[in-house]
C-alpha atoms as a PDB file:
ATOM      1  CA  UNK A   1     100.476  28.517 151.206  1.00  0.00           C
ATOM      2  CA  UNK A   2      98.649  27.174 147.885  1.00  0.00           C
ATOM      3  CA  UNK A   3     102.014  28.220 146.042  1.00  0.00           C
ATOM      4  CA  UNK A   4     104.225  26.904 148.806  1.00  0.00           C
ATOM      5  CA  UNK A   5     102.403  23.617 148.553  1.00  0.00           C
ATOM      6  CA  UNK A   6     102.665  23.805 144.850  1.00  0.00           C
ATOM      7  CA  UNK A   7     106.423  24.197 144.781  1.00  0.00           C
ATOM      8  CA  UNK A   8     106.888  21.631 147.378  1.00  0.00           C
ATOM      9  CA  UNK A   9     105.381  19.083 145.369  1.00  0.00           C
ATOM     10  CA  UNK A  10     107.243  19.632 142.128  1.00  0.00           C
ATOM     11  CA  UNK A  11     110.063  20.454 143.621  1.00  0.00           C
ATOM     12  CA  UNK A  12     110.243  17.092 145.769  1.00  0.00           C
ATOM     13  CA  UNK A  13     109.060  15.356 142.696  1.00  0.00           C
ATOM     14  CA  UNK A  14     112.073  16.501 140.862  1.00  0.00           C
ATOM     15  CA  UNK A  15     114.584  15.613 143.418  1.00  0.00           C
ATOM     16  CA  UNK A  16     113.476  12.303 144.056  1.00  0.00           C
ATOM     17  CA  UNK A  17     113.677  11.352 140.362  1.00  0.00           C
ATOM     18  CA  UNK A  18     117.273  13.137 139.342  1.00  0.00           C
ATOM     19  CA  UNK A  19     119.189  12.797 142.542  1.00  0.00           C
ATOM     20  CA  UNK A  20     117.577   9.975 144.755  1.00  0.00           C
ATOM     21  CA  UNK A  21     116.867   7.697 141.474  1.00  0.00           C
ATOM     22  CA  UNK A  22     113.317   6.846 143.058  1.00  0.00           C
ATOM     23  CA  UNK A  23     111.083   7.127 139.538  1.00  0.00           C
ATOM     24  CA  UNK A  24     108.278   5.702 141.338  1.00  0.00           C
ATOM     25  CA  UNK A  25     107.667   8.410 144.787  1.00  0.00           C
ATOM     26  CA  UNK A  26     108.338  10.866 142.126  1.00  0.00           C
ATOM     27  CA  UNK A  27     105.711   9.669 139.398  1.00  0.00           C
ATOM     28  CA  UNK A  28     103.504  10.045 142.817  1.00  0.00           C
ATOM     29  CA  UNK A  29     104.339  13.317 144.164  1.00  0.00           C
ATOM     30  CA  UNK A  30     104.440  15.039 140.232  1.00  0.00           C
ATOM     31  CA  UNK A  31     100.558  12.910 139.776  1.00  0.00           C
ATOM     32  CA  UNK A  32      99.383  14.838 142.873  1.00  0.00           C
ATOM     33  CA  UNK A  33     100.907  18.050 142.037  1.00  0.00           C
ATOM     34  CA  UNK A  34      99.071  17.902 138.450  1.00  0.00           C
ATOM     35  CA  UNK A  35      95.907  16.571 140.169  1.00  0.00           C
ATOM     36  CA  UNK A  36      96.213  18.992 143.141  1.00  0.00           C
ATOM     37  CA  UNK A  37      97.120  22.151 140.309  1.00  0.00           C
ATOM     38  CA  UNK A  38      95.959  21.179 137.193  1.00  0.00           C
ATOM     39  CA  UNK A  39      97.048  24.986 136.153  1.00  0.00           C
ATOM     40  CA  UNK A  40     100.046  24.943 137.179  1.00  0.00           C
ATOM     41  CA  UNK A  41     102.877  26.176 135.335  1.00  0.00           C
ATOM     42  CA  UNK A  42     105.283  23.970 136.236  1.00  0.00           C
ATOM     43  CA  UNK A  43     102.773  21.030 134.157  1.00  0.00           C
ATOM     44  CA  UNK A  44     105.222  21.181 131.017  1.00  0.00           C
ATOM     45  CA  UNK A  45     108.327  20.017 133.354  1.00  0.00           C
ATOM     46  CA  UNK A  46     106.163  17.706 135.278  1.00  0.00           C
ATOM     47  CA  UNK A  47     105.041  16.093 132.357  1.00  0.00           C
ATOM     48  CA  UNK A  48     108.664  15.478 130.840  1.00  0.00           C
ATOM     49  CA  UNK A  49     109.904  14.070 134.330  1.00  0.00           C
ATOM     50  CA  UNK A  50     107.093  11.681 134.525  1.00  0.00           C
ATOM     51  CA  UNK A  51     107.490  11.045 131.091  1.00  0.00           C
ATOM     52  CA  UNK A  52     111.220   9.781 131.631  1.00  0.00           C
ATOM     53  CA  UNK A  53     110.278   7.790 135.025  1.00  0.00           C
ATOM     54  CA  UNK A  54     107.743   5.939 133.529  1.00  0.00           C
ATOM     55  CA  UNK A  55     109.967   4.767 130.993  1.00  0.00           C
ATOM     56  CA  UNK A  56     112.394   3.622 133.408  1.00  0.00           C
ATOM     57  CA  UNK A  57     109.632   1.676 135.260  1.00  0.00           C
ATOM     58  CA  UNK A  58     109.012   0.544 132.188  1.00  0.00           C
ATOM     59  CA  UNK A  59     105.189   2.298 132.172  1.00  0.00           C
ATOM     60  CA  UNK A  60     103.468   4.226 129.856  1.00  0.00           C
ATOM     61  CA  UNK A  61     105.496   6.766 128.998  1.00  0.00           C
ATOM     62  CA  UNK A  62     103.819   7.654 125.537  1.00  0.00           C
ATOM     63  CA  UNK A  63     100.783   9.138 127.641  1.00  0.00           C
ATOM     64  CA  UNK A  64     103.181  11.612 128.974  1.00  0.00           C
ATOM     65  CA  UNK A  65     103.881  12.664 125.714  1.00  0.00           C
ATOM     66  CA  UNK A  66     101.266  13.172 123.732  1.00  0.00           C
ATOM     67  CA  UNK A  67      99.485  15.387 126.520  1.00  0.00           C
ATOM     68  CA  UNK A  68     102.644  17.540 126.919  1.00  0.00           C
ATOM     69  CA  UNK A  69     101.710  17.368 122.497  1.00  0.00           C
ATOM     70  CA  UNK A  70      98.607  18.474 123.155  1.00  0.00           C
ATOM     71  CA  UNK A  71      99.065  20.698 125.766  1.00  0.00           C
ATOM     72  CA  UNK A  72     102.049  22.426 124.792  1.00  0.00           C
ATOM     73  CA  UNK A  73     103.212  21.332 121.257  1.00  0.00           C
ATOM     74  CA  UNK A  74     105.750  24.238 121.680  1.00  0.00           C
ATOM     75  CA  UNK A  75     107.136  23.765 125.068  1.00  0.00           C
ATOM     76  CA  UNK A  76     110.935  22.917 124.921  1.00  0.00           C
ATOM     77  CA  UNK A  77     109.776  19.652 126.954  1.00  0.00           C
ATOM     78  CA  UNK A  78     107.622  18.629 123.983  1.00  0.00           C
ATOM     79  CA  UNK A  79     110.645  19.145 121.489  1.00  0.00           C
ATOM     80  CA  UNK A  80     113.044  16.809 123.410  1.00  0.00           C
ATOM     81  CA  UNK A  81     110.711  13.740 123.947  1.00  0.00           C
ATOM     82  CA  UNK A  82     109.767  14.284 119.743  1.00  0.00           C
ATOM     83  CA  UNK A  83     113.461  14.271 119.359  1.00  0.00           C
ATOM     84  CA  UNK A  84     115.092  12.072 121.636  1.00  0.00           C
ATOM     85  CA  UNK A  85     117.431  10.888 119.029  1.00  0.00           C
ATOM     86  CA  UNK A  86     119.072  14.131 118.671  1.00  0.00           C
ATOM     87  CA  UNK A  87     122.855  15.093 119.694  1.00  0.00           C
ATOM     88  CA  UNK A  88     122.726  15.491 123.517  1.00  0.00           C
ATOM     89  CA  UNK A  89     125.499  16.247 126.590  1.00  0.00           C
ATOM     90  CA  UNK A  90     128.389  18.155 125.725  1.00  0.00           C
ATOM     91  CA  UNK A  91     127.928  18.361 121.789  1.00  0.00           C
ATOM     92  CA  UNK A  92     124.981  20.166 122.331  1.00  0.00           C
ATOM     93  CA  UNK A  93     125.792  21.988 125.199  1.00  0.00           C
ATOM     94  CA  UNK A  94     128.681  23.382 122.826  1.00  0.00           C
ATOM     95  CA  UNK A  95     126.637  23.968 119.350  1.00  0.00           C
ATOM     96  CA  UNK A  96     123.819  25.775 121.313  1.00  0.00           C
ATOM     97  CA  UNK A  97     126.602  27.872 122.779  1.00  0.00           C
ATOM     98  CA  UNK A  98     128.198  28.525 119.517  1.00  0.00           C
ATOM     99  CA  UNK A  99     124.503  29.754 118.121  1.00  0.00           C
ATOM    100  CA  UNK A 100     123.722  31.819 121.366  1.00  0.00           C
ATOM    101  CA  UNK A 101     126.543  33.486 120.557  1.00  0.00           C
ATOM    102  CA  UNK A 102     125.722  33.860 116.335  1.00  0.00           C
ATOM    103  CA  UNK A 103     122.544  34.944 117.331  1.00  0.00           C
ATOM    104  CA  UNK A 104     123.673  37.465 120.308  1.00  0.00           C
ATOM    105  CA  UNK A 105     125.446  39.334 117.601  1.00  0.00           C
ATOM    106  CA  UNK A 106     122.815  39.117 114.872  1.00  0.00           C
ATOM    107  CA  UNK A 107     120.719  40.909 117.904  1.00  0.00           C
ATOM    108  CA  UNK A 108     123.721  43.444 118.572  1.00  0.00           C
ATOM    109  CA  UNK A 109     123.488  44.671 115.298  1.00  0.00           C
ATOM    110  CA  UNK A 110     119.645  44.620 114.871  1.00  0.00           C
ATOM    111  CA  UNK A 111     118.826  42.148 112.616  1.00  0.00           C
ATOM    112  CA  UNK A 112     116.508  40.557 114.557  1.00  0.00           C
ATOM    113  CA  UNK A 113     114.978  38.027 112.095  1.00  0.00           C
ATOM    114  CA  UNK A 114     118.241  36.520 111.453  1.00  0.00           C
ATOM    115  CA  UNK A 115     119.012  35.985 115.398  1.00  0.00           C
ATOM    116  CA  UNK A 116     115.400  34.596 115.765  1.00  0.00           C
ATOM    117  CA  UNK A 117     116.088  32.170 113.212  1.00  0.00           C
ATOM    118  CA  UNK A 118     119.091  30.892 114.654  1.00  0.00           C
ATOM    119  CA  UNK A 119     117.815  30.543 117.863  1.00  0.00           C
ATOM    120  CA  UNK A 120     114.673  28.539 116.994  1.00  0.00           C
ATOM    121  CA  UNK A 121     116.475  26.274 114.945  1.00  0.00           C
ATOM    122  CA  UNK A 122     118.727  25.638 117.995  1.00  0.00           C
ATOM    123  CA  UNK A 123     115.999  25.180 120.382  1.00  0.00           C
ATOM    124  CA  UNK A 124     114.061  22.954 117.965  1.00  0.00           C
ATOM    125  CA  UNK A 125     117.561  20.604 117.479  1.00  0.00           C
ATOM    126  CA  UNK A 126     118.918  21.075 121.024  1.00  0.00           C
ATOM    127  CA  UNK A 127     115.621  21.458 123.340  1.00  0.00           C
ATOM    128  CA  UNK A 128     117.100  20.790 126.639  1.00  0.00           C
ATOM    129  CA  UNK A 129     120.846  22.033 127.163  1.00  0.00           C
ATOM    130  CA  UNK A 130     122.258  24.637 130.000  1.00  0.00           C
ATOM    131  CA  UNK A 131     121.920  27.163 127.429  1.00  0.00           C
ATOM    132  CA  UNK A 132     118.136  26.532 126.788  1.00  0.00           C
ATOM    133  CA  UNK A 133     117.363  29.274 129.067  1.00  0.00           C
ATOM    134  CA  UNK A 134     119.200  32.358 127.486  1.00  0.00           C
ATOM    135  CA  UNK A 135     117.923  31.333 123.654  1.00  0.00           C
ATOM    136  CA  UNK A 136     114.558  32.106 125.285  1.00  0.00           C
ATOM    137  CA  UNK A 137     115.397  34.972 127.049  1.00  0.00           C
ATOM    138  CA  UNK A 138     116.818  36.574 123.580  1.00  0.00           C
ATOM    139  CA  UNK A 139     114.134  34.925 121.704  1.00  0.00           C
ATOM    140  CA  UNK A 140     112.213  37.216 124.433  1.00  0.00           C
ATOM    141  CA  UNK A 141     114.365  40.213 123.823  1.00  0.00           C
ATOM    142  CA  UNK A 142     113.804  40.402 119.882  1.00  0.00           C
ATOM    143  CA  UNK A 143     110.401  39.373 120.815  1.00  0.00           C
ATOM    144  CA  UNK A 144     109.700  42.943 122.825  1.00  0.00           C
ATOM    145  CA  UNK A 145     111.468  44.366 119.416  1.00  0.00           C
ATOM    146  CA  UNK A 146     109.013  42.722 116.877  1.00  0.00           C
ATOM    147  CA  UNK A 147     105.773  41.940 118.820  1.00  0.00           C
ATOM    148  CA  UNK A 148     103.217  43.548 121.410  1.00  0.00           C
ATOM    149  CA  UNK A 149     103.967  45.187 124.465  1.00  0.00           C
ATOM    150  CA  UNK A 150     101.055  42.822 125.523  1.00  0.00           C
ATOM    151  CA  UNK A 151     102.840  39.870 124.262  1.00  0.00           C
ATOM    152  CA  UNK A 152     106.044  40.777 125.879  1.00  0.00           C
ATOM    153  CA  UNK A 153     105.114  40.815 129.151  1.00  0.00           C
ATOM    154  CA  UNK A 154     103.150  37.635 128.698  1.00  0.00           C
ATOM    155  CA  UNK A 155     106.098  35.675 127.419  1.00  0.00           C
ATOM    156  CA  UNK A 156     108.652  37.465 130.658  1.00  0.00           C
ATOM    157  CA  UNK A 157     106.044  35.871 132.626  1.00  0.00           C
ATOM    158  CA  UNK A 158     105.769  32.877 131.420  1.00  0.00           C
ATOM    159  CA  UNK A 159     109.888  32.278 131.489  1.00  0.00           C
ATOM    160  CA  UNK A 160     109.489  33.550 134.743  1.00  0.00           C
ATOM    161  CA  UNK A 161     107.528  31.127 136.048  1.00  0.00           C
ATOM    162  CA  UNK A 162     109.426  28.143 134.544  1.00  0.00           C
ATOM    163  CA  UNK A 163     113.364  29.031 134.040  1.00  0.00           C
ATOM    164  CA  UNK A 164     116.054  27.782 136.333  1.00  0.00           C
ATOM    165  CA  UNK A 165     119.444  30.219 135.878  1.00  0.00           C
ATOM    166  CA  UNK A 166     118.650  31.988 138.854  1.00  0.00           C
ATOM    167  CA  UNK A 167     120.726  35.031 137.034  1.00  0.00           C
ATOM    168  CA  UNK A 168     118.344  35.306 134.040  1.00  0.00           C
ATOM    169  CA  UNK A 169     115.406  34.996 136.379  1.00  0.00           C
ATOM    170  CA  UNK A 170     116.235  38.242 138.316  1.00  0.00           C
ATOM    171  CA  UNK A 171     117.399  39.931 134.659  1.00  0.00           C
ATOM    172  CA  UNK A 172     113.798  39.385 133.154  1.00  0.00           C
ATOM    173  CA  UNK A 173     112.090  40.333 136.851  1.00  0.00           C
ATOM    174  CA  UNK A 174     113.957  43.899 136.403  1.00  0.00           C
ATOM    175  CA  UNK A 175     112.546  43.919 131.665  1.00  0.00           C
ATOM    176  CA  UNK A 176     108.862  43.087 133.183  1.00  0.00           C
ATOM    177  CA  UNK A 177     109.003  45.621 136.396  1.00  0.00           C
ATOM    178  CA  UNK A 178     110.929  48.406 133.682  1.00  0.00           C
ATOM    179  CA  UNK A 179     107.824  47.652 130.670  1.00  0.00           C
ATOM    180  CA  UNK A 180     105.341  47.460 133.369  1.00  0.00           C
ATOM    181  CA  UNK A 181     106.412  51.176 134.413  1.00  0.00           C
ATOM    182  CA  UNK A 182     106.830  52.471 131.278  1.00  0.00           C
ATOM    183  CA  UNK A 183     104.074  49.891 128.378  1.00  0.00           C
ATOM    184  CA  UNK A 184     104.876  52.844 125.673  1.00  0.00           C
ATOM    185  CA  UNK A 185     108.465  52.416 125.315  1.00  0.00           C
ATOM    186  CA  UNK A 186     111.128  50.250 123.889  1.00  0.00           C
ATOM    187  CA  UNK A 187     112.818  47.529 125.733  1.00  0.00           C
ATOM    188  CA  UNK A 188     115.041  49.035 128.155  1.00  0.00           C
ATOM    189  CA  UNK A 189     118.538  50.253 126.737  1.00  0.00           C
ATOM    190  CA  UNK A 190     120.380  48.361 129.627  1.00  0.00           C
ATOM    191  CA  UNK A 191     119.085  44.856 128.225  1.00  0.00           C
ATOM    192  CA  UNK A 192     121.782  44.725 125.896  1.00  0.00           C
ATOM    193  CA  UNK A 193     124.913  44.655 128.390  1.00  0.00           C
ATOM    194  CA  UNK A 194     123.214  42.656 130.663  1.00  0.00           C
ATOM    195  CA  UNK A 195     123.039  40.167 127.425  1.00  0.00           C
ATOM    196  CA  UNK A 196     126.564  40.757 126.551  1.00  0.00           C
ATOM    197  CA  UNK A 197     127.582  39.918 129.467  1.00  0.00           C
ATOM    198  CA  UNK A 198     125.692  36.382 129.542  1.00  0.00           C
ATOM    199  CA  UNK A 199     127.282  36.343 125.914  1.00  0.00           C
ATOM    200  CA  UNK A 200     130.818  36.346 126.901  1.00  0.00           C
ATOM    201  CA  UNK A 201     130.189  33.716 129.447  1.00  0.00           C
ATOM    202  CA  UNK A 202     128.466  31.190 128.085  1.00  0.00           C
ATOM    203  CA  UNK A 203     131.050  28.355 127.506  1.00  0.00           C
ATOM    204  CA  UNK A 204     132.541  29.164 130.720  1.00  0.00           C
ATOM    205  CA  UNK A 205     132.338  25.770 133.174  1.00  0.00           C
ATOM    206  CA  UNK A 206     129.990  25.237 135.772  1.00  0.00           C
ATOM    207  CA  UNK A 207     131.640  23.252 137.768  1.00  0.00           C
ATOM    208  CA  UNK A 208     132.148  25.256 141.488  1.00  0.00           C
ATOM    209  CA  UNK A 209     135.367  24.915 143.589  1.00  0.00           C
ATOM    210  CA  UNK A 210     135.545  22.919 146.359  1.00  0.00           C
ATOM    211  CA  UNK A 211     134.780  25.695 149.300  1.00  0.00           C
ATOM    212  CA  UNK A 212     138.329  26.462 151.317  1.00  0.00           C
ATOM    213  CA  UNK A 213     138.549  28.790 154.830  1.00  0.00           C
ATOM    214  CA  UNK A 214     135.433  29.406 155.520  1.00  0.00           C
ATOM    215  CA  UNK A 215     133.540  29.016 152.501  1.00  0.00           C
ATOM    216  CA  UNK A 216     130.693  26.481 152.500  1.00  0.00           C
ATOM    217  CA  UNK A 217     129.346  24.773 149.687  1.00  0.00           C
ATOM    218  CA  UNK A 218     125.448  25.530 151.099  1.00  0.00           C
ATOM    219  CA  UNK A 219     123.156  28.154 151.265  1.00  0.00           C
ATOM    220  CA  UNK A 220     120.291  29.787 153.294  1.00  0.00           C
ATOM    221  CA  UNK A 221     117.269  29.310 151.498  1.00  0.00           C
ATOM    222  CA  UNK A 222     114.875  29.606 154.462  1.00  0.00           C
ATOM    223  CA  UNK A 223     111.801  30.254 151.617  1.00  0.00           C
ATOM    224  CA  UNK A 224     112.598  26.916 149.348  1.00  0.00           C
ATOM    225  CA  UNK A 225     111.058  23.655 149.760  1.00  0.00           C
ATOM    226  CA  UNK A 226     113.190  21.690 152.854  1.00  0.00           C
ATOM    227  CA  UNK A 227     113.125  17.541 154.075  1.00  0.00           C
ATOM    228  CA  UNK A 228     113.031  16.406 157.748  1.00  0.00           C
ATOM    229  CA  UNK A 229     116.437  13.821 157.663  1.00  0.00           C
ATOM    230  CA  UNK A 230     116.894  11.129 160.761  1.00  0.00           C
ATOM    231  CA  UNK A 231     120.029   9.788 160.238  1.00  0.00           C
ATOM    232  CA  UNK A 232     120.807   6.729 160.925  1.00  0.00           C
ATOM    233  CA  UNK A 233     123.223   3.539 160.805  1.00  0.00           C
ATOM    234  CA  UNK A 234     122.767   0.198 159.030  1.00  0.00           C
ATOM    235  CA  UNK A 235     122.500  -1.870 161.764  1.00  0.00           C
ATOM    236  CA  UNK A 236     119.732   0.379 163.697  1.00  0.00           C
ATOM    237  CA  UNK A 237     118.075   1.013 160.390  1.00  0.00           C
ATOM    238  CA  UNK A 238     117.441  -2.490 159.692  1.00  0.00           C
ATOM    239  CA  UNK A 239     116.269  -3.234 163.393  1.00  0.00           C
ATOM    240  CA  UNK A 240     114.683  -0.068 164.626  1.00  0.00           C
ATOM    241  CA  UNK A 241     110.867  -1.828 163.969  1.00  0.00           C
ATOM    242  CA  UNK A 242     107.737  -0.192 163.016  1.00  0.00           C
ATOM    243  CA  UNK A 243     109.022   3.020 162.807  1.00  0.00           C
ATOM    244  CA  UNK A 244     107.529   3.873 159.571  1.00  0.00           C
ATOM    245  CA  UNK A 245     103.767   2.702 160.810  1.00  0.00           C
ATOM    246  CA  UNK A 246     104.152   4.769 163.821  1.00  0.00           C
ATOM    247  CA  UNK A 247     105.270   7.959 161.784  1.00  0.00           C
ATOM    248  CA  UNK A 248     102.375   7.704 160.141  1.00  0.00           C
ATOM    249  CA  UNK A 249     100.480   7.593 162.989  1.00  0.00           C
ATOM    250  CA  UNK A 250     101.856  10.632 164.528  1.00  0.00           C
ATOM    251  CA  UNK A 251     101.373  12.911 161.113  1.00  0.00           C
ATOM    252  CA  UNK A 252      97.689  11.510 161.237  1.00  0.00           C
ATOM    253  CA  UNK A 253      97.598  13.294 164.612  1.00  0.00           C
ATOM    254  CA  UNK A 254      99.784  16.203 164.532  1.00  0.00           C
ATOM    255  CA  UNK A 255      99.955  16.663 161.018  1.00  0.00           C
ATOM    256  CA  UNK A 256      96.800  16.156 159.313  1.00  0.00           C
ATOM    257  CA  UNK A 257      96.351  18.879 156.453  1.00  0.00           C
ATOM    258  CA  UNK A 258     100.383  18.289 155.935  1.00  0.00           C
ATOM    259  CA  UNK A 259      99.789  15.195 153.724  1.00  0.00           C
ATOM    260  CA  UNK A 260     103.741  14.307 154.335  1.00  0.00           C
ATOM    261  CA  UNK A 261     105.962  11.149 153.067  1.00  0.00           C
ATOM    262  CA  UNK A 262     108.179   9.531 154.448  1.00  0.00           C
ATOM    263  CA  UNK A 263     110.937   6.814 152.661  1.00  0.00           C
ATOM    264  CA  UNK A 264     114.401   5.765 153.342  1.00  0.00           C
ATOM    265  CA  UNK A 265     117.749   5.858 151.290  1.00  0.00           C
ATOM    266  CA  UNK A 266     121.385   5.131 151.508  1.00  0.00           C
ATOM    267  CA  UNK A 267     123.423   7.837 152.188  1.00  0.00           C
ATOM    268  CA  UNK A 268     126.677   5.749 151.908  1.00  0.00           C
ATOM    269  CA  UNK A 269     127.253   2.305 153.203  1.00  0.00           C
ATOM    270  CA  UNK A 270     127.414   3.182 156.752  1.00  0.00           C
ATOM    271  CA  UNK A 271     124.115   5.695 156.649  1.00  0.00           C
ATOM    272  CA  UNK A 272     120.348   5.700 156.226  1.00  0.00           C
ATOM    273  CA  UNK A 273     118.621   8.907 156.198  1.00  0.00           C
ATOM    274  CA  UNK A 274     114.727   8.539 156.996  1.00  0.00           C
ATOM    275  CA  UNK A 275     113.240  11.551 154.666  1.00  0.00           C
ATOM    276  CA  UNK A 276     109.930  13.261 155.958  1.00  0.00           C
ATOM    277  CA  UNK A 277     108.323  15.915 153.298  1.00  0.00           C
ATOM    278  CA  UNK A 278     107.938  18.061 151.684  1.00  0.00           C
ATOM    279  CA  UNK A 279     107.508  21.248 153.634  1.00  0.00           C
ATOM    280  CA  UNK A 280     106.958  24.446 151.958  1.00  0.00           C
ATOM    281  CA  UNK A 281     109.396  26.054 153.700  1.00  0.00           C
ATOM    282  CA  UNK A 282     112.171  26.155 156.435  1.00  0.00           C
ATOM    283  CA  UNK A 283     109.814  27.736 159.553  1.00  0.00           C
ATOM    284  CA  UNK A 284     106.972  24.773 158.484  1.00  0.00           C
ATOM    285  CA  UNK A 285     110.201  22.239 158.909  1.00  0.00           C
ATOM    286  CA  UNK A 286     111.949  23.308 162.157  1.00  0.00           C
ATOM    287  CA  UNK A 287     107.987  23.020 163.766  1.00  0.00           C
ATOM    288  CA  UNK A 288     108.089  19.360 162.198  1.00  0.00           C
ATOM    289  CA  UNK A 289     111.138  18.810 163.917  1.00  0.00           C
ATOM    290  CA  UNK A 290     110.716  20.487 167.977  1.00  0.00           C
ATOM    291  CA  UNK A 291     107.180  18.595 167.501  1.00  0.00           C
ATOM    292  CA  UNK A 292     108.880  15.108 166.975  1.00  0.00           C
ATOM    293  CA  UNK A 293     111.355  16.238 169.211  1.00  0.00           C
ATOM    294  CA  UNK A 294     108.959  16.576 172.039  1.00  0.00           C
ATOM    295  CA  UNK A 295     106.122  14.433 171.061  1.00  0.00           C
ATOM    296  CA  UNK A 296     107.034  11.161 169.215  1.00  0.00           C
ATOM    297  CA  UNK A 297     108.225   8.036 171.244  1.00  0.00           C
ATOM    298  CA  UNK A 298     109.616   4.710 169.452  1.00  0.00           C
ATOM    299  CA  UNK A 299     110.866   2.001 171.950  1.00  0.00           C
ATOM    300  CA  UNK A 300     113.593   1.184 169.258  1.00  0.00           C
ATOM    301  CA  UNK A 301     114.839   4.875 168.093  1.00  0.00           C
ATOM    302  CA  UNK A 302     117.858   5.859 171.087  1.00  0.00           C
ATOM    303  CA  UNK A 303     117.217   9.754 172.047  1.00  0.00           C
ATOM    304  CA  UNK A 304     120.474  10.667 170.794  1.00  0.00           C
ATOM    305  CA  UNK A 305     119.266   9.617 167.390  1.00  0.00           C
ATOM    306  CA  UNK A 306     116.841  11.921 167.383  1.00  0.00           C
ATOM    307  CA  UNK A 307     118.005  14.668 168.273  1.00  0.00           C
ATOM    308  CA  UNK A 308     120.573  14.038 165.319  1.00  0.00           C
ATOM    309  CA  UNK A 309     117.697  15.069 163.066  1.00  0.00           C
ATOM    310  CA  UNK A 310     117.837  17.833 160.764  1.00  0.00           C
ATOM    311  CA  UNK A 311     116.387  19.753 158.468  1.00  0.00           C
ATOM    312  CA  UNK A 312     117.553  20.767 154.606  1.00  0.00           C
ATOM    313  CA  UNK A 313     116.006  22.745 151.616  1.00  0.00           C
ATOM    314  CA  UNK A 314     115.994  20.908 148.541  1.00  0.00           C
ATOM    315  CA  UNK A 315     118.874  22.800 146.827  1.00  0.00           C
ATOM    316  CA  UNK A 316     121.040  21.708 149.884  1.00  0.00           C
ATOM    317  CA  UNK A 317     120.239  17.890 150.100  1.00  0.00           C
ATOM    318  CA  UNK A 318     121.771  18.061 146.433  1.00  0.00           C
ATOM    319  CA  UNK A 319     124.973  19.028 147.222  1.00  0.00           C
ATOM    320  CA  UNK A 320     124.564  16.755 150.602  1.00  0.00           C
ATOM    321  CA  UNK A 321     123.574  13.562 148.538  1.00  0.00           C
ATOM    322  CA  UNK A 322     126.707  14.510 146.434  1.00  0.00           C
ATOM    323  CA  UNK A 323     129.350  15.456 149.199  1.00  0.00           C
ATOM    324  CA  UNK A 324     128.029  12.810 151.235  1.00  0.00           C
ATOM    325  CA  UNK A 325     129.579  14.682 154.634  1.00  0.00           C
ATOM    326  CA  UNK A 326     127.294  14.887 157.362  1.00  0.00           C
ATOM    327  CA  UNK A 327     129.433  16.965 159.784  1.00  0.00           C
ATOM    328  CA  UNK A 328     129.647  19.414 156.901  1.00  0.00           C
ATOM    329  CA  UNK A 329     126.618  19.879 156.556  1.00  0.00           C
ATOM    330  CA  UNK A 330     126.069  20.062 160.107  1.00  0.00           C
ATOM    331  CA  UNK A 331     128.318  22.964 160.533  1.00  0.00           C
ATOM    332  CA  UNK A 332     126.392  24.935 157.843  1.00  0.00           C
ATOM    333  CA  UNK A 333     122.945  23.690 160.285  1.00  0.00           C
ATOM    334  CA  UNK A 334     123.860  25.152 162.930  1.00  0.00           C
ATOM    335  CA  UNK A 335     124.839  28.334 161.978  1.00  0.00           C
ATOM    336  CA  UNK A 336     122.040  28.793 159.564  1.00  0.00           C
ATOM    337  CA  UNK A 337     119.187  27.175 161.496  1.00  0.00           C
END
């Protein structure tokens, strides 16, 4: 339960900042994360996002830069804060990809020191690119050759707590399981073919093809953080009266321990969406929706609008926010939930 709540605060904070462009609400959620979970492994990225949000709000971003340097001097997020003038974007992605391939070549030839030098130099110069996770994991594989088994396991565990790439996370999990089962052996031989595939794929475009036929841009992820959505047209949103205050009373009565937050954003020119969050998983969000439909009453809120509400995972909401197509998501929602 605590881990679910921790992930919910973190995921919602990132969503609010990077996707919804609501830095003030992102700050509130990430501060809550750090306050309630001071030992969270997500703290470096939380500090970094707080740094960016505070900078946007003309606040005090330096306090988060100082915390990063004090608590996580070797984090990629700290390096990024310390080197804001470094090349970013496509150029950084290209050069980090090229350097990854060079480092992997040295690694394959068992020239571990040369590979590590390239990795460290790249991570220092380009702290945050789409290839950062690959570089970090290759550096960990080198640690498996040059350092103790305990250090190797520790770094794998840390990687799995912070990495974003699902494929690499799965691979790291396999490595950790293998070394845990046989700690007195070398790193498993299958690592080479897997990382070789990564090296070959490193420059492929990440743009996903538009869905065709029966494909959907949405995926089922019931264990992910969810949010509740109530769509309204512009006119209703302006005349719904004290809806937010009544929802707060509703939450205080029915969901005292959930610490729910309410906000409204524009999905497009015609549609506003009221967002209630965070829920640690799909099940909890669906319990909320059922209670909302059965027990929440507002004279200005028609029944058909209440029934148009739905729940959605953070990952799928990122897609919805880009695609702006409610009916497309509803088709998926009716099948998945």
